[in-house]
């Protein structure tokens, strides 16, 4: 009963808060001339989007803060609703730190008046620090061991120090993957909404779930839904790195909350494919001087093939929905 209340309340609250705050942000960001710059190497038809307000991820961050604060107050009033455990607080904190990295990156872009912010090594260094702090926090609070659970089985292996290497790669990799996915209207927010629904379903697992997972799932789905009201094609606002890095932190942090980090490769398959397409494109061009895709990340390839943005978002979202269902069964062995 408590989980249902937390899930429902967090979804409604973050949906409403994010939709209202985003609506307020749009004219404010326009007046501050905080518009998106479009790279010349991108699809030429994206030039028409230049000047669209960016950094809309601020609305997501604020709406999550509101949801968490109300959950804390509810927990003080009624112990049954103590939703924010140490693992949830660490996941939310990790997402916030990545969101802050995004704010810095977006600000640099706006100051330079171009679509290139922090240097790649600077951005990754900040993400590495965020991931390291998250791992340390999870370890000190007893929310992380060095055992790695294998999806679709009840098997787990104690990897010792190598677990932390895998954790760092997953944490920074998925955050960047969600960032790469945010390239057309509504793509990242639609897929993250479905991941939120997956966490919501998993919150009812006797072993893996809890009120904190319900809070994560409801909030993630709610804020993405509220933002999509203005981010779906044609977008009136972009989330920027502020939003995509923040969402990436929640997506991969949620996998660690479920104590099955490898599952993110399944329910986050679309994000992984986006990253793989960039890696393959760069490697192919450097080795053979030929490109595998018409443009990378892969959503641009499909644009170049004539797919509309709505079609791409729909197809990619269906893939994520299917993989979320697959992930549910992959976790059955440890549920």
C-alpha atoms as a PDB file:
ATOM      1  CA  UNK A   1       0.000   0.000   0.000  1.00  0.00           C
ATOM      2  CA  UNK A   2       2.771   2.439   0.979  1.00  0.00           C
ATOM      3  CA  UNK A   3       4.657   1.818  -2.264  1.00  0.00           C
ATOM      4  CA  UNK A   4       1.537   2.476  -4.334  1.00  0.00           C
ATOM      5  CA  UNK A   5       0.925   5.768  -2.531  1.00  0.00           C
ATOM      6  CA  UNK A   6       4.572   6.878  -2.918  1.00  0.00           C
ATOM      7  CA  UNK A   7       4.632   5.869  -6.593  1.00  0.00           C
ATOM      8  CA  UNK A   8       1.368   7.585  -7.464  1.00  0.00           C
ATOM      9  CA  UNK A   9       2.089  10.734  -5.475  1.00  0.00           C
ATOM     10  CA  UNK A  10       5.636  11.121  -6.815  1.00  0.00           C
ATOM     11  CA  UNK A  11       4.476  10.663 -10.422  1.00  0.00           C
ATOM     12  CA  UNK A  12       1.622  13.179 -10.194  1.00  0.00           C
ATOM     13  CA  UNK A  13       3.719  15.676  -8.257  1.00  0.00           C
ATOM     14  CA  UNK A  14       6.779  15.633 -10.523  1.00  0.00           C
ATOM     15  CA  UNK A  15       4.652  15.602 -13.684  1.00  0.00           C
ATOM     16  CA  UNK A  16       2.733  18.691 -12.587  1.00  0.00           C
ATOM     17  CA  UNK A  17       5.781  20.464 -11.151  1.00  0.00           C
ATOM     18  CA  UNK A  18       7.975  19.820 -14.193  1.00  0.00           C
ATOM     19  CA  UNK A  19       5.251  20.868 -16.646  1.00  0.00           C
ATOM     20  CA  UNK A  20       4.544  24.112 -14.760  1.00  0.00           C
ATOM     21  CA  UNK A  21       8.193  24.990 -14.153  1.00  0.00           C
ATOM     22  CA  UNK A  22       9.112  24.251 -17.788  1.00  0.00           C
ATOM     23  CA  UNK A  23       6.299  26.526 -18.947  1.00  0.00           C
ATOM     24  CA  UNK A  24       7.663  29.300 -16.755  1.00  0.00           C
ATOM     25  CA  UNK A  25      11.245  28.654 -17.870  1.00  0.00           C
ATOM     26  CA  UNK A  26      10.629  28.940 -21.627  1.00  0.00           C
ATOM     27  CA  UNK A  27      10.010  32.738 -21.784  1.00  0.00           C
ATOM     28  CA  UNK A  28      12.576  33.330 -19.037  1.00  0.00           C
ATOM     29  CA  UNK A  29      15.318  31.494 -20.931  1.00  0.00           C
ATOM     30  CA  UNK A  30      14.333  33.277 -24.136  1.00  0.00           C
ATOM     31  CA  UNK A  31      14.663  36.663 -22.460  1.00  0.00           C
ATOM     32  CA  UNK A  32      18.129  35.673 -21.211  1.00  0.00           C
ATOM     33  CA  UNK A  33      19.020  34.618 -24.792  1.00  0.00           C
ATOM     34  CA  UNK A  34      19.884  31.102 -23.592  1.00  0.00           C
ATOM     35  CA  UNK A  35      19.166  29.467 -26.935  1.00  0.00           C
ATOM     36  CA  UNK A  36      20.634  26.281 -28.397  1.00  0.00           C
ATOM     37  CA  UNK A  37      23.453  26.575 -30.929  1.00  0.00           C
ATOM     38  CA  UNK A  38      23.408  23.990 -33.737  1.00  0.00           C
ATOM     39  CA  UNK A  39      26.615  22.458 -35.076  1.00  0.00           C
ATOM     40  CA  UNK A  40      27.269  22.999 -38.788  1.00  0.00           C
ATOM     41  CA  UNK A  41      28.186  19.294 -39.105  1.00  0.00           C
ATOM     42  CA  UNK A  42      24.713  18.271 -37.912  1.00  0.00           C
ATOM     43  CA  UNK A  43      21.659  17.692 -40.125  1.00  0.00           C
ATOM     44  CA  UNK A  44      21.059  20.895 -42.084  1.00  0.00           C
ATOM     45  CA  UNK A  45      17.338  20.899 -41.233  1.00  0.00           C
ATOM     46  CA  UNK A  46      18.233  21.189 -37.533  1.00  0.00           C
ATOM     47  CA  UNK A  47      19.392  24.754 -38.196  1.00  0.00           C
ATOM     48  CA  UNK A  48      15.762  25.811 -37.850  1.00  0.00           C
ATOM     49  CA  UNK A  49      15.951  24.772 -34.189  1.00  0.00           C
ATOM     50  CA  UNK A  50      18.727  27.218 -33.394  1.00  0.00           C
ATOM     51  CA  UNK A  51      17.700  29.626 -30.679  1.00  0.00           C
ATOM     52  CA  UNK A  52      15.290  27.179 -28.990  1.00  0.00           C
ATOM     53  CA  UNK A  53      15.713  27.641 -25.209  1.00  0.00           C
ATOM     54  CA  UNK A  54      18.014  25.094 -23.619  1.00  0.00           C
ATOM     55  CA  UNK A  55      18.943  24.031 -20.061  1.00  0.00           C
ATOM     56  CA  UNK A  56      15.356  22.867 -19.530  1.00  0.00           C
ATOM     57  CA  UNK A  57      16.800  20.127 -17.348  1.00  0.00           C
ATOM     58  CA  UNK A  58      16.653  22.680 -14.539  1.00  0.00           C
ATOM     59  CA  UNK A  59      12.897  22.023 -14.371  1.00  0.00           C
ATOM     60  CA  UNK A  60      13.528  18.304 -13.918  1.00  0.00           C
ATOM     61  CA  UNK A  61      16.025  18.865 -11.138  1.00  0.00           C
ATOM     62  CA  UNK A  62      13.706  21.250  -9.283  1.00  0.00           C
ATOM     63  CA  UNK A  63      10.727  18.904  -9.643  1.00  0.00           C
ATOM     64  CA  UNK A  64      12.759  15.999  -8.219  1.00  0.00           C
ATOM     65  CA  UNK A  65      13.862  18.167  -5.286  1.00  0.00           C
ATOM     66  CA  UNK A  66      10.225  19.040  -4.572  1.00  0.00           C
ATOM     67  CA  UNK A  67       9.253  15.359  -4.695  1.00  0.00           C
ATOM     68  CA  UNK A  68      12.077  14.309  -2.370  1.00  0.00           C
ATOM     69  CA  UNK A  69      11.373  17.104   0.131  1.00  0.00           C
ATOM     70  CA  UNK A  70       7.681  16.170   0.312  1.00  0.00           C
ATOM     71  CA  UNK A  71       8.661  12.497   0.729  1.00  0.00           C
ATOM     72  CA  UNK A  72      10.922  13.462   3.638  1.00  0.00           C
ATOM     73  CA  UNK A  73       8.141  15.487   5.276  1.00  0.00           C
ATOM     74  CA  UNK A  74       5.686  12.611   4.759  1.00  0.00           C
ATOM     75  CA  UNK A  75       8.207  10.278   6.377  1.00  0.00           C
ATOM     76  CA  UNK A  76       8.403  12.506   9.444  1.00  0.00           C
ATOM     77  CA  UNK A  77       4.634  12.557   9.749  1.00  0.00           C
ATOM     78  CA  UNK A  78       4.119   8.864   9.006  1.00  0.00           C
ATOM     79  CA  UNK A  79       7.083   6.438   9.361  1.00  0.00           C
ATOM     80  CA  UNK A  80       5.461   4.130   6.793  1.00  0.00           C
ATOM     81  CA  UNK A  81       6.354   6.680   4.098  1.00  0.00           C
ATOM     82  CA  UNK A  82      10.059   7.008   4.865  1.00  0.00           C
ATOM     83  CA  UNK A  83      10.945   6.714   1.207  1.00  0.00           C
ATOM     84  CA  UNK A  84      14.395   8.292   1.032  1.00  0.00           C
ATOM     85  CA  UNK A  85      16.825   5.678   2.297  1.00  0.00           C
ATOM     86  CA  UNK A  86      20.578   6.137   2.080  1.00  0.00           C
ATOM     87  CA  UNK A  87      20.737   4.357  -1.291  1.00  0.00           C
ATOM     88  CA  UNK A  88      18.005   6.568  -2.754  1.00  0.00           C
ATOM     89  CA  UNK A  89      19.679   9.694  -1.360  1.00  0.00           C
ATOM     90  CA  UNK A  90      22.969   8.632  -2.960  1.00  0.00           C
ATOM     91  CA  UNK A  91      21.339   7.957  -6.341  1.00  0.00           C
ATOM     92  CA  UNK A  92      19.577  11.323  -6.273  1.00  0.00           C
ATOM     93  CA  UNK A  93      22.782  13.026  -5.147  1.00  0.00           C
ATOM     94  CA  UNK A  94      24.733  11.335  -7.933  1.00  0.00           C
ATOM     95  CA  UNK A  95      22.193  12.522 -10.508  1.00  0.00           C
ATOM     96  CA  UNK A  96      22.335  16.063  -9.094  1.00  0.00           C
ATOM     97  CA  UNK A  97      26.137  16.134  -9.363  1.00  0.00           C
ATOM     98  CA  UNK A  98      25.929  15.048 -12.992  1.00  0.00           C
ATOM     99  CA  UNK A  99      23.259  17.665 -13.547  1.00  0.00           C
ATOM    100  CA  UNK A 100      25.655  20.265 -12.117  1.00  0.00           C
ATOM    101  CA  UNK A 101      28.296  19.078 -14.579  1.00  0.00           C
ATOM    102  CA  UNK A 102      25.711  19.629 -17.297  1.00  0.00           C
ATOM    103  CA  UNK A 103      24.974  23.139 -16.034  1.00  0.00           C
ATOM    104  CA  UNK A 104      28.674  23.993 -16.271  1.00  0.00           C
ATOM    105  CA  UNK A 105      28.884  22.523 -19.777  1.00  0.00           C
ATOM    106  CA  UNK A 106      25.762  24.344 -20.974  1.00  0.00           C
ATOM    107  CA  UNK A 107      26.976  27.637 -19.529  1.00  0.00           C
ATOM    108  CA  UNK A 108      30.301  27.306 -21.335  1.00  0.00           C
ATOM    109  CA  UNK A 109      28.437  26.658 -24.587  1.00  0.00           C
ATOM    110  CA  UNK A 110      26.275  29.724 -24.101  1.00  0.00           C
ATOM    111  CA  UNK A 111      29.236  31.919 -23.188  1.00  0.00           C
ATOM    112  CA  UNK A 112      31.157  30.722 -26.250  1.00  0.00           C
ATOM    113  CA  UNK A 113      27.984  31.066 -28.359  1.00  0.00           C
ATOM    114  CA  UNK A 114      28.572  27.626 -29.907  1.00  0.00           C
ATOM    115  CA  UNK A 115      27.545  24.001 -29.356  1.00  0.00           C
ATOM    116  CA  UNK A 116      30.873  22.954 -27.870  1.00  0.00           C
ATOM    117  CA  UNK A 117      31.258  23.367 -24.129  1.00  0.00           C
ATOM    118  CA  UNK A 118      33.789  21.704 -21.857  1.00  0.00           C
ATOM    119  CA  UNK A 119      36.602  19.762 -23.461  1.00  0.00           C
ATOM    120  CA  UNK A 120      35.976  16.004 -23.538  1.00  0.00           C
ATOM    121  CA  UNK A 121      38.614  15.288 -20.887  1.00  0.00           C
ATOM    122  CA  UNK A 122      37.259  18.005 -18.597  1.00  0.00           C
ATOM    123  CA  UNK A 123      33.725  16.652 -18.874  1.00  0.00           C
ATOM    124  CA  UNK A 124      34.837  13.073 -18.256  1.00  0.00           C
ATOM    125  CA  UNK A 125      37.013  14.103 -15.320  1.00  0.00           C
ATOM    126  CA  UNK A 126      33.983  15.661 -13.611  1.00  0.00           C
ATOM    127  CA  UNK A 127      31.879  12.591 -14.397  1.00  0.00           C
ATOM    128  CA  UNK A 128      34.624  10.335 -13.020  1.00  0.00           C
ATOM    129  CA  UNK A 129      34.659  12.296  -9.751  1.00  0.00           C
ATOM    130  CA  UNK A 130      30.847  12.050  -9.533  1.00  0.00           C
ATOM    131  CA  UNK A 131      30.997   8.281 -10.101  1.00  0.00           C
ATOM    132  CA  UNK A 132      33.814   7.806  -7.581  1.00  0.00           C
ATOM    133  CA  UNK A 133      31.920   9.738  -4.902  1.00  0.00           C
ATOM    134  CA  UNK A 134      28.794   7.674  -5.587  1.00  0.00           C
ATOM    135  CA  UNK A 135      30.703   4.397  -5.266  1.00  0.00           C
ATOM    136  CA  UNK A 136      32.406   5.520  -2.055  1.00  0.00           C
ATOM    137  CA  UNK A 137      29.075   6.611  -0.597  1.00  0.00           C
ATOM    138  CA  UNK A 138      27.343   3.369  -1.557  1.00  0.00           C
ATOM    139  CA  UNK A 139      30.187   1.331  -0.118  1.00  0.00           C
ATOM    140  CA  UNK A 140      30.390   3.234   3.187  1.00  0.00           C
ATOM    141  CA  UNK A 141      26.632   2.963   3.752  1.00  0.00           C
ATOM    142  CA  UNK A 142      26.615  -0.774   3.045  1.00  0.00           C
ATOM    143  CA  UNK A 143      24.558  -0.426  -0.138  1.00  0.00           C
ATOM    144  CA  UNK A 144      27.228  -1.888  -2.411  1.00  0.00           C
ATOM    145  CA  UNK A 145      29.301  -5.054  -2.331  1.00  0.00           C
ATOM    146  CA  UNK A 146      31.794  -6.346  -4.880  1.00  0.00           C
ATOM    147  CA  UNK A 147      29.413  -9.107  -5.996  1.00  0.00           C
ATOM    148  CA  UNK A 148      28.192  -8.782  -9.557  1.00  0.00           C
ATOM    149  CA  UNK A 149      24.814 -10.376 -10.293  1.00  0.00           C
ATOM    150  CA  UNK A 150      24.355 -11.992 -13.703  1.00  0.00           C
ATOM    151  CA  UNK A 151      21.008 -11.206 -15.402  1.00  0.00           C
ATOM    152  CA  UNK A 152      18.646 -14.135 -16.136  1.00  0.00           C
ATOM    153  CA  UNK A 153      20.298 -16.204 -13.393  1.00  0.00           C
ATOM    154  CA  UNK A 154      20.653 -16.312  -9.618  1.00  0.00           C
ATOM    155  CA  UNK A 155      24.429 -16.357 -10.023  1.00  0.00           C
ATOM    156  CA  UNK A 156      26.771 -13.699  -8.688  1.00  0.00           C
ATOM    157  CA  UNK A 157      30.549 -13.420  -8.626  1.00  0.00           C
ATOM    158  CA  UNK A 158      32.735 -11.545  -6.172  1.00  0.00           C
ATOM    159  CA  UNK A 159      35.051  -9.511  -8.407  1.00  0.00           C
ATOM    160  CA  UNK A 160      36.875  -7.683  -5.649  1.00  0.00           C
ATOM    161  CA  UNK A 161      38.617  -4.527  -6.881  1.00  0.00           C
ATOM    162  CA  UNK A 162      37.596  -5.196 -10.510  1.00  0.00           C
ATOM    163  CA  UNK A 163      33.972  -4.550  -9.529  1.00  0.00           C
ATOM    164  CA  UNK A 164      34.790  -0.880  -9.018  1.00  0.00           C
ATOM    165  CA  UNK A 165      36.370  -0.634 -12.456  1.00  0.00           C
ATOM    166  CA  UNK A 166      33.214  -2.071 -14.023  1.00  0.00           C
ATOM    167  CA  UNK A 167      31.096   0.267 -11.873  1.00  0.00           C
ATOM    168  CA  UNK A 168      33.026   3.346 -13.009  1.00  0.00           C
ATOM    169  CA  UNK A 169      32.737   2.314 -16.669  1.00  0.00           C
ATOM    170  CA  UNK A 170      28.995   1.717 -16.343  1.00  0.00           C
ATOM    171  CA  UNK A 171      28.310   4.910 -14.411  1.00  0.00           C
ATOM    172  CA  UNK A 172      30.224   7.249 -16.709  1.00  0.00           C
ATOM    173  CA  UNK A 173      29.351   5.303 -19.857  1.00  0.00           C
ATOM    174  CA  UNK A 174      25.588   5.337 -19.379  1.00  0.00           C
ATOM    175  CA  UNK A 175      25.542   9.002 -18.344  1.00  0.00           C
ATOM    176  CA  UNK A 176      27.332   9.875 -21.585  1.00  0.00           C
ATOM    177  CA  UNK A 177      25.085   7.498 -23.533  1.00  0.00           C
ATOM    178  CA  UNK A 178      21.925   9.308 -22.411  1.00  0.00           C
ATOM    179  CA  UNK A 179      23.668  12.573 -23.266  1.00  0.00           C
ATOM    180  CA  UNK A 180      24.321  11.326 -26.832  1.00  0.00           C
ATOM    181  CA  UNK A 181      20.718  10.146 -27.170  1.00  0.00           C
ATOM    182  CA  UNK A 182      19.446  13.672 -26.554  1.00  0.00           C
ATOM    183  CA  UNK A 183      19.778  14.696 -30.208  1.00  0.00           C
ATOM    184  CA  UNK A 184      16.226  14.983 -31.507  1.00  0.00           C
ATOM    185  CA  UNK A 185      12.984  16.233 -29.978  1.00  0.00           C
ATOM    186  CA  UNK A 186      11.657  14.005 -27.215  1.00  0.00           C
ATOM    187  CA  UNK A 187      14.036  11.062 -27.758  1.00  0.00           C
ATOM    188  CA  UNK A 188      15.924  11.035 -24.445  1.00  0.00           C
ATOM    189  CA  UNK A 189      12.921  12.072 -22.349  1.00  0.00           C
ATOM    190  CA  UNK A 190      10.624   9.436 -23.922  1.00  0.00           C
ATOM    191  CA  UNK A 191      13.058   6.600 -23.353  1.00  0.00           C
ATOM    192  CA  UNK A 192      13.906   7.725 -19.815  1.00  0.00           C
ATOM    193  CA  UNK A 193      10.177   7.899 -19.039  1.00  0.00           C
ATOM    194  CA  UNK A 194       9.883   4.206 -19.943  1.00  0.00           C
ATOM    195  CA  UNK A 195      12.889   3.381 -17.773  1.00  0.00           C
ATOM    196  CA  UNK A 196      11.082   5.188 -14.950  1.00  0.00           C
ATOM    197  CA  UNK A 197       8.067   2.946 -15.508  1.00  0.00           C
ATOM    198  CA  UNK A 198      10.404  -0.067 -15.293  1.00  0.00           C
ATOM    199  CA  UNK A 199      11.740   1.110 -11.922  1.00  0.00           C
ATOM    200  CA  UNK A 200       8.160   1.684 -10.786  1.00  0.00           C
ATOM    201  CA  UNK A 201       7.252  -1.909 -11.622  1.00  0.00           C
ATOM    202  CA  UNK A 202      10.397  -3.204  -9.930  1.00  0.00           C
ATOM    203  CA  UNK A 203       9.520  -1.291  -6.769  1.00  0.00           C
ATOM    204  CA  UNK A 204       6.951  -4.001  -6.010  1.00  0.00           C
ATOM    205  CA  UNK A 205       9.610  -6.717  -5.983  1.00  0.00           C
ATOM    206  CA  UNK A 206       9.842  -8.185  -2.495  1.00  0.00           C
ATOM    207  CA  UNK A 207      13.655  -8.355  -2.540  1.00  0.00           C
ATOM    208  CA  UNK A 208      14.777  -5.580  -4.887  1.00  0.00           C
ATOM    209  CA  UNK A 209      12.089  -2.957  -4.510  1.00  0.00           C
ATOM    210  CA  UNK A 210      10.826  -0.624  -1.843  1.00  0.00           C
ATOM    211  CA  UNK A 211       9.367   2.832  -1.324  1.00  0.00           C
ATOM    212  CA  UNK A 212      12.656   4.393  -2.422  1.00  0.00           C
ATOM    213  CA  UNK A 213      12.520   2.546  -5.754  1.00  0.00           C
ATOM    214  CA  UNK A 214       8.895   3.633  -6.113  1.00  0.00           C
ATOM    215  CA  UNK A 215       9.966   7.228  -5.488  1.00  0.00           C
ATOM    216  CA  UNK A 216      12.687   6.933  -8.138  1.00  0.00           C
ATOM    217  CA  UNK A 217      10.391   5.318 -10.699  1.00  0.00           C
ATOM    218  CA  UNK A 218       7.481   7.669 -10.119  1.00  0.00           C
ATOM    219  CA  UNK A 219       9.666  10.775 -10.115  1.00  0.00           C
ATOM    220  CA  UNK A 220      11.659   9.777 -13.226  1.00  0.00           C
ATOM    221  CA  UNK A 221       8.529   8.925 -15.208  1.00  0.00           C
ATOM    222  CA  UNK A 222       6.693  12.000 -13.934  1.00  0.00           C
ATOM    223  CA  UNK A 223       9.392  14.564 -14.651  1.00  0.00           C
ATOM    224  CA  UNK A 224      10.020  13.130 -18.134  1.00  0.00           C
ATOM    225  CA  UNK A 225       6.293  13.162 -18.857  1.00  0.00           C
ATOM    226  CA  UNK A 226       5.966  16.755 -17.678  1.00  0.00           C
ATOM    227  CA  UNK A 227       8.947  17.834 -19.746  1.00  0.00           C
ATOM    228  CA  UNK A 228       7.672  16.003 -22.841  1.00  0.00           C
ATOM    229  CA  UNK A 229       4.653  18.302 -22.886  1.00  0.00           C
ATOM    230  CA  UNK A 230       7.032  20.951 -24.268  1.00  0.00           C
ATOM    231  CA  UNK A 231       9.903  18.771 -25.559  1.00  0.00           C
ATOM    232  CA  UNK A 232       7.958  16.535 -27.950  1.00  0.00           C
ATOM    233  CA  UNK A 233       8.276  17.437 -31.642  1.00  0.00           C
ATOM    234  CA  UNK A 234       8.364  20.296 -32.414  1.00  0.00           C
ATOM    235  CA  UNK A 235      10.235  21.059 -29.188  1.00  0.00           C
ATOM    236  CA  UNK A 236       9.686  24.397 -27.496  1.00  0.00           C
ATOM    237  CA  UNK A 237      12.604  23.756 -25.147  1.00  0.00           C
ATOM    238  CA  UNK A 238      15.636  21.450 -24.927  1.00  0.00           C
ATOM    239  CA  UNK A 239      16.889  19.795 -21.747  1.00  0.00           C
ATOM    240  CA  UNK A 240      20.549  20.503 -22.577  1.00  0.00           C
ATOM    241  CA  UNK A 241      23.406  18.642 -20.926  1.00  0.00           C
ATOM    242  CA  UNK A 242      21.874  19.810 -17.650  1.00  0.00           C
ATOM    243  CA  UNK A 243      18.953  17.466 -18.206  1.00  0.00           C
ATOM    244  CA  UNK A 244      20.561  14.606 -20.132  1.00  0.00           C
ATOM    245  CA  UNK A 245      23.436  14.111 -17.670  1.00  0.00           C
ATOM    246  CA  UNK A 246      20.978  14.366 -14.767  1.00  0.00           C
ATOM    247  CA  UNK A 247      18.686  11.756 -16.322  1.00  0.00           C
ATOM    248  CA  UNK A 248      21.665   9.549 -17.124  1.00  0.00           C
ATOM    249  CA  UNK A 249      22.615   9.601 -13.451  1.00  0.00           C
ATOM    250  CA  UNK A 250      19.121   8.490 -12.423  1.00  0.00           C
ATOM    251  CA  UNK A 251      18.997   5.735 -15.064  1.00  0.00           C
ATOM    252  CA  UNK A 252      22.307   4.090 -14.172  1.00  0.00           C
ATOM    253  CA  UNK A 253      21.975   4.908 -10.461  1.00  0.00           C
ATOM    254  CA  UNK A 254      18.669   3.046 -10.473  1.00  0.00           C
ATOM    255  CA  UNK A 255      20.406  -0.075 -11.786  1.00  0.00           C
ATOM    256  CA  UNK A 256      22.765   0.027  -8.790  1.00  0.00           C
ATOM    257  CA  UNK A 257      19.772   0.639  -6.514  1.00  0.00           C
ATOM    258  CA  UNK A 258      18.350  -2.648  -7.803  1.00  0.00           C
ATOM    259  CA  UNK A 259      21.734  -4.259  -7.028  1.00  0.00           C
ATOM    260  CA  UNK A 260      22.008  -5.415 -10.647  1.00  0.00           C
ATOM    261  CA  UNK A 261      24.104  -2.853 -12.531  1.00  0.00           C
ATOM    262  CA  UNK A 262      24.519  -5.049 -15.626  1.00  0.00           C
ATOM    263  CA  UNK A 263      20.772  -4.842 -16.213  1.00  0.00           C
ATOM    264  CA  UNK A 264      21.263  -1.273 -17.435  1.00  0.00           C
ATOM    265  CA  UNK A 265      22.713  -2.774 -20.615  1.00  0.00           C
ATOM    266  CA  UNK A 266      19.286  -4.319 -21.234  1.00  0.00           C
ATOM    267  CA  UNK A 267      16.768  -1.624 -20.305  1.00  0.00           C
ATOM    268  CA  UNK A 268      19.211   1.018 -21.524  1.00  0.00           C
ATOM    269  CA  UNK A 269      19.935  -0.748 -24.813  1.00  0.00           C
ATOM    270  CA  UNK A 270      18.908   2.255 -26.921  1.00  0.00           C
ATOM    271  CA  UNK A 271      21.427   4.419 -25.045  1.00  0.00           C
ATOM    272  CA  UNK A 272      24.122   1.760 -25.495  1.00  0.00           C
ATOM    273  CA  UNK A 273      23.417   1.502 -29.235  1.00  0.00           C
ATOM    274  CA  UNK A 274      23.673   5.288 -29.592  1.00  0.00           C
ATOM    275  CA  UNK A 275      27.125   5.232 -27.982  1.00  0.00           C
ATOM    276  CA  UNK A 276      28.252   2.163 -29.940  1.00  0.00           C
ATOM    277  CA  UNK A 277      27.289   3.865 -33.203  1.00  0.00           C
ATOM    278  CA  UNK A 278      29.572   6.800 -32.410  1.00  0.00           C
ATOM    279  CA  UNK A 279      32.468   4.533 -31.421  1.00  0.00           C
ATOM    280  CA  UNK A 280      32.082   2.414 -34.567  1.00  0.00           C
ATOM    281  CA  UNK A 281      31.799   5.488 -36.776  1.00  0.00           C
ATOM    282  CA  UNK A 282      34.967   7.068 -35.401  1.00  0.00           C
ATOM    283  CA  UNK A 283      36.929   3.799 -35.447  1.00  0.00           C
ATOM    284  CA  UNK A 284      35.841   2.965 -38.989  1.00  0.00           C
ATOM    285  CA  UNK A 285      36.784   6.396 -40.319  1.00  0.00           C
ATOM    286  CA  UNK A 286      40.187   6.388 -38.620  1.00  0.00           C
ATOM    287  CA  UNK A 287      41.028   2.871 -39.833  1.00  0.00           C
ATOM    288  CA  UNK A 288      39.483   2.820 -43.303  1.00  0.00           C
ATOM    289  CA  UNK A 289      38.555   6.448 -44.045  1.00  0.00           C
ATOM    290  CA  UNK A 290      35.007   5.173 -44.601  1.00  0.00           C
ATOM    291  CA  UNK A 291      31.891   5.756 -42.512  1.00  0.00           C
ATOM    292  CA  UNK A 292      29.531   2.983 -41.437  1.00  0.00           C
ATOM    293  CA  UNK A 293      26.587   5.311 -40.881  1.00  0.00           C
ATOM    294  CA  UNK A 294      25.448   8.357 -42.811  1.00  0.00           C
ATOM    295  CA  UNK A 295      25.791  10.235 -39.531  1.00  0.00           C
ATOM    296  CA  UNK A 296      26.313   9.336 -35.880  1.00  0.00           C
ATOM    297  CA  UNK A 297      24.800   8.972 -33.312  1.00  0.00           C
ATOM    298  CA  UNK A 298      22.530   6.497 -35.053  1.00  0.00           C
ATOM    299  CA  UNK A 299      19.332   8.540 -34.676  1.00  0.00           C
ATOM    300  CA  UNK A 300      20.859  11.019 -37.157  1.00  0.00           C
ATOM    301  CA  UNK A 301      21.559   8.127 -39.543  1.00  0.00           C
ATOM    302  CA  UNK A 302      17.863   7.323 -39.622  1.00  0.00           C
ATOM    303  CA  UNK A 303      17.075  11.010 -40.129  1.00  0.00           C
ATOM    304  CA  UNK A 304      19.388  11.001 -43.147  1.00  0.00           C
ATOM    305  CA  UNK A 305      17.505   7.908 -44.375  1.00  0.00           C
ATOM    306  CA  UNK A 306      14.307   9.937 -44.393  1.00  0.00           C
ATOM    307  CA  UNK A 307      12.739   8.945 -41.057  1.00  0.00           C
ATOM    308  CA  UNK A 308      10.820  11.697 -39.284  1.00  0.00           C
ATOM    309  CA  UNK A 309      11.749  12.600 -35.731  1.00  0.00           C
ATOM    310  CA  UNK A 310       8.416  11.267 -34.493  1.00  0.00           C
ATOM    311  CA  UNK A 311       9.032   7.905 -36.187  1.00  0.00           C
ATOM    312  CA  UNK A 312      12.521   7.618 -34.675  1.00  0.00           C
ATOM    313  CA  UNK A 313      11.255   8.451 -31.185  1.00  0.00           C
ATOM    314  CA  UNK A 314       8.400   5.947 -31.556  1.00  0.00           C
ATOM    315  CA  UNK A 315      10.590   3.078 -32.801  1.00  0.00           C
ATOM    316  CA  UNK A 316      13.325   3.680 -30.241  1.00  0.00           C
ATOM    317  CA  UNK A 317      10.738   3.918 -27.453  1.00  0.00           C
ATOM    318  CA  UNK A 318       9.187   0.607 -28.501  1.00  0.00           C
ATOM    319  CA  UNK A 319      12.652  -0.981 -28.307  1.00  0.00           C
ATOM    320  CA  UNK A 320      13.144   0.428 -24.799  1.00  0.00           C
ATOM    321  CA  UNK A 321       9.695  -0.791 -23.700  1.00  0.00           C
ATOM    322  CA  UNK A 322      10.488  -4.308 -24.947  1.00  0.00           C
ATOM    323  CA  UNK A 323      13.912  -4.296 -23.287  1.00  0.00           C
ATOM    324  CA  UNK A 324      12.396  -3.111 -20.001  1.00  0.00           C
ATOM    325  CA  UNK A 325      10.119  -6.162 -20.135  1.00  0.00           C
ATOM    326  CA  UNK A 326      13.153  -8.351 -20.892  1.00  0.00           C
ATOM    327  CA  UNK A 327      14.962  -6.774 -17.932  1.00  0.00           C
ATOM    328  CA  UNK A 328      12.069  -7.682 -15.644  1.00  0.00           C
ATOM    329  CA  UNK A 329      12.486 -11.352 -16.519  1.00  0.00           C
ATOM    330  CA  UNK A 330      16.275 -11.020 -16.322  1.00  0.00           C
ATOM    331  CA  UNK A 331      15.887 -10.033 -12.680  1.00  0.00           C
ATOM    332  CA  UNK A 332      13.476 -12.833 -11.809  1.00  0.00           C
ATOM    333  CA  UNK A 333      16.399 -14.950 -10.600  1.00  0.00           C
ATOM    334  CA  UNK A 334      17.222 -12.520  -7.785  1.00  0.00           C
ATOM    335  CA  UNK A 335      13.729 -11.169  -7.064  1.00  0.00           C
END
